[in-house]
C-alpha atoms as a PDB file:
ATOM      1  CA  MET A   1       1.576 104.676  -6.084  1.00  0.00           C
ATOM      2  CA  ALA A   2       5.225 106.487  -4.119  1.00  0.00           C
ATOM      3  CA  LYS A   3       8.133 106.784  -5.228  1.00  0.00           C
ATOM      4  CA  ASN A   4       9.200 104.657  -2.930  1.00  0.00           C
ATOM      5  CA  VAL A   5       7.492 101.747  -3.937  1.00  0.00           C
ATOM      6  CA  TRP A   6       8.891 102.393  -7.680  1.00  0.00           C
ATOM      7  CA  VAL A   7      12.058 101.486  -5.903  1.00  0.00           C
ATOM      8  CA  GLY A   8      11.595  99.053  -4.602  1.00  0.00           C
ATOM      9  CA  LEU A   9       9.824  97.257  -6.934  1.00  0.00           C
ATOM     10  CA  GLN A  10      12.738  97.863  -8.720  1.00  0.00           C
ATOM     11  CA  ILE A  11      15.440  96.162  -6.318  1.00  0.00           C
ATOM     12  CA  VAL A  12      12.984  93.231  -6.903  1.00  0.00           C
ATOM     13  CA  GLY A  13      13.264  93.816 -10.660  1.00  0.00           C
ATOM     14  CA  MET A  14      16.819  93.957 -10.609  1.00  0.00           C
ATOM     15  CA  VAL A  15      17.386  90.968  -8.097  1.00  0.00           C
ATOM     16  CA  LEU A  16      15.859  88.622 -10.973  1.00  0.00           C
ATOM     17  CA  VAL A  17      18.010  89.857 -13.491  1.00  0.00           C
ATOM     18  CA  VAL A  18      21.181  88.865 -11.282  1.00  0.00           C
ATOM     19  CA  ALA A  19      19.397  86.065  -9.720  1.00  0.00           C
ATOM     20  CA  SER A  20      18.019  84.016 -13.360  1.00  0.00           C
ATOM     21  CA  ALA A  21      20.928  85.354 -15.405  1.00  0.00           C
ATOM     22  CA  GLN A  22      24.216  83.101 -12.632  1.00  0.00           C
ATOM     23  CA  ALA A  23      21.273  79.924 -12.600  1.00  0.00           C
ATOM     24  CA  VAL A  24      21.310  80.168 -16.904  1.00  0.00           C
ATOM     25  CA  ILE A  25      25.043  79.786 -16.633  1.00  0.00           C
ATOM     26  CA  ARG A  26      25.259  77.511 -13.944  1.00  0.00           C
ATOM     27  CA  LEU A  27      23.224  75.967 -16.035  1.00  0.00           C
ATOM     28  CA  LEU A  28      24.988  76.419 -19.272  1.00  0.00           C
ATOM     29  CA  ILE A  29      27.992  75.057 -17.269  1.00  0.00           C
ATOM     30  CA  ASP A  30      26.455  72.294 -15.259  1.00  0.00           C
ATOM     31  CA  HIS A  31      23.479  70.356 -17.398  1.00  0.00           C
ATOM     32  CA  SER A  32      23.231  67.449 -14.516  1.00  0.00           C
ATOM     33  CA  LYS A  33      22.618  70.247 -12.178  1.00  0.00           C
ATOM     34  CA  SER A  34      19.652  71.327 -10.521  1.00  0.00           C
ATOM     35  CA  GLN A  35      18.954  75.454 -10.174  1.00  0.00           C
ATOM     36  CA  VAL A  36      17.665  77.617  -7.916  1.00  0.00           C
ATOM     37  CA  TRP A  37      17.373  74.396  -5.309  1.00  0.00           C
ATOM     38  CA  GLY A  38      15.440  72.592  -7.203  1.00  0.00           C
ATOM     39  CA  LEU A  39      12.443  75.518  -7.893  1.00  0.00           C
ATOM     40  CA  LEU A  40      12.463  74.626 -11.634  1.00  0.00           C
ATOM     41  CA  ASP A  41      12.268  70.760 -11.274  1.00  0.00           C
ATOM     42  CA  TRP A  42       8.609  71.201 -12.754  1.00  0.00           C
ATOM     43  CA  ALA A  43       9.416  72.988 -16.111  1.00  0.00           C
ATOM     44  CA  PRO A  44       8.302  70.615 -18.646  1.00  0.00           C
ATOM     45  CA  GLY A  45      11.120  70.328 -21.282  1.00  0.00           C
ATOM     46  CA  GLY A  46      14.022  69.116 -18.736  1.00  0.00           C
ATOM     47  CA  TRP A  47      17.284  71.537 -19.008  1.00  0.00           C
ATOM     48  CA  GLY A  48      15.644  73.239 -22.102  1.00  0.00           C
ATOM     49  CA  GLY A  49      13.190  73.870 -20.237  1.00  0.00           C
ATOM     50  CA  GLN A  50      14.867  75.366 -17.401  1.00  0.00           C
ATOM     51  CA  ILE A  51      17.288  77.239 -19.648  1.00  0.00           C
ATOM     52  CA  VAL A  52      13.479  79.157 -21.390  1.00  0.00           C
ATOM     53  CA  VAL A  53      12.336  79.949 -17.470  1.00  0.00           C
ATOM     54  CA  LEU A  54      14.856  81.501 -16.633  1.00  0.00           C
ATOM     55  CA  VAL A  55      15.437  83.444 -19.705  1.00  0.00           C
ATOM     56  CA  VAL A  56      11.762  84.364 -19.286  1.00  0.00           C
ATOM     57  CA  LEU A  57      11.716  84.785 -16.083  1.00  0.00           C
ATOM     58  CA  ALA A  58      15.347  87.055 -16.019  1.00  0.00           C
ATOM     59  CA  ALA A  59      13.461  89.487 -18.882  1.00  0.00           C
ATOM     60  CA  ALA A  60      10.188  90.350 -16.835  1.00  0.00           C
ATOM     61  CA  GLY A  61      12.745  91.401 -14.119  1.00  0.00           C
ATOM     62  CA  ALA A  62      14.464  93.652 -16.651  1.00  0.00           C
ATOM     63  CA  ILE A  63      11.404  94.815 -17.631  1.00  0.00           C
ATOM     64  CA  LEU A  64       9.970  96.081 -14.128  1.00  0.00           C
ATOM     65  CA  ALA A  65      13.683  97.541 -13.547  1.00  0.00           C
ATOM     66  CA  ASP A  66      12.859  99.321 -16.502  1.00  0.00           C
ATOM     67  CA  ARG A  67       9.911 101.264 -15.862  1.00  0.00           C
ATOM     68  CA  SER A  68      10.234 100.917 -12.623  1.00  0.00           C
ATOM     69  CA  ASN A  69      13.198 103.191 -12.719  1.00  0.00           C
ATOM     70  CA  ASN A  70      11.210 105.721 -15.517  1.00  0.00           C
ATOM     71  CA  LYS A  71       8.795 106.748 -13.081  1.00  0.00           C
ATOM     72  CA  VAL A  72      11.188 106.847 -10.429  1.00  0.00           C
ATOM     73  CA  LYS A  73      12.507 109.874 -13.072  1.00  0.00           C
ATOM     74  CA  LEU A  74       9.234 111.121 -14.008  1.00  0.00           C
ATOM     75  CA  LEU A  75       8.512 111.224 -10.296  1.00  0.00           C
ATOM     76  CA  GLU A  76      11.647 112.688  -9.156  1.00  0.00           C
ATOM     77  CA  ALA A  77      11.540 115.853 -12.705  1.00  0.00           C
END
C-alpha cells in the first residue's frame, strides 16, 4: 500500500484511541450518562460492558496506529 494509506490508518487509529479513552473517563465519572451518543447502549452488562467495549476499542486503535506507524517508517527508509 502507499504511504498515504498507512498515514490515514494511523490517523484513524489515533482518533479511535482518543475518542474511546475520553468516553471511558466520562463513563467512570458519570455512570448513568449515555456515552458516545448512545452507540454503546447495546453492550451487554450495562456499565461494565460499556467499559469493556471502550477499552477494547482504545486498544485496537492503539495497535492500528502503532502498526501503521511502523509501516510508514519502513517505507521512508
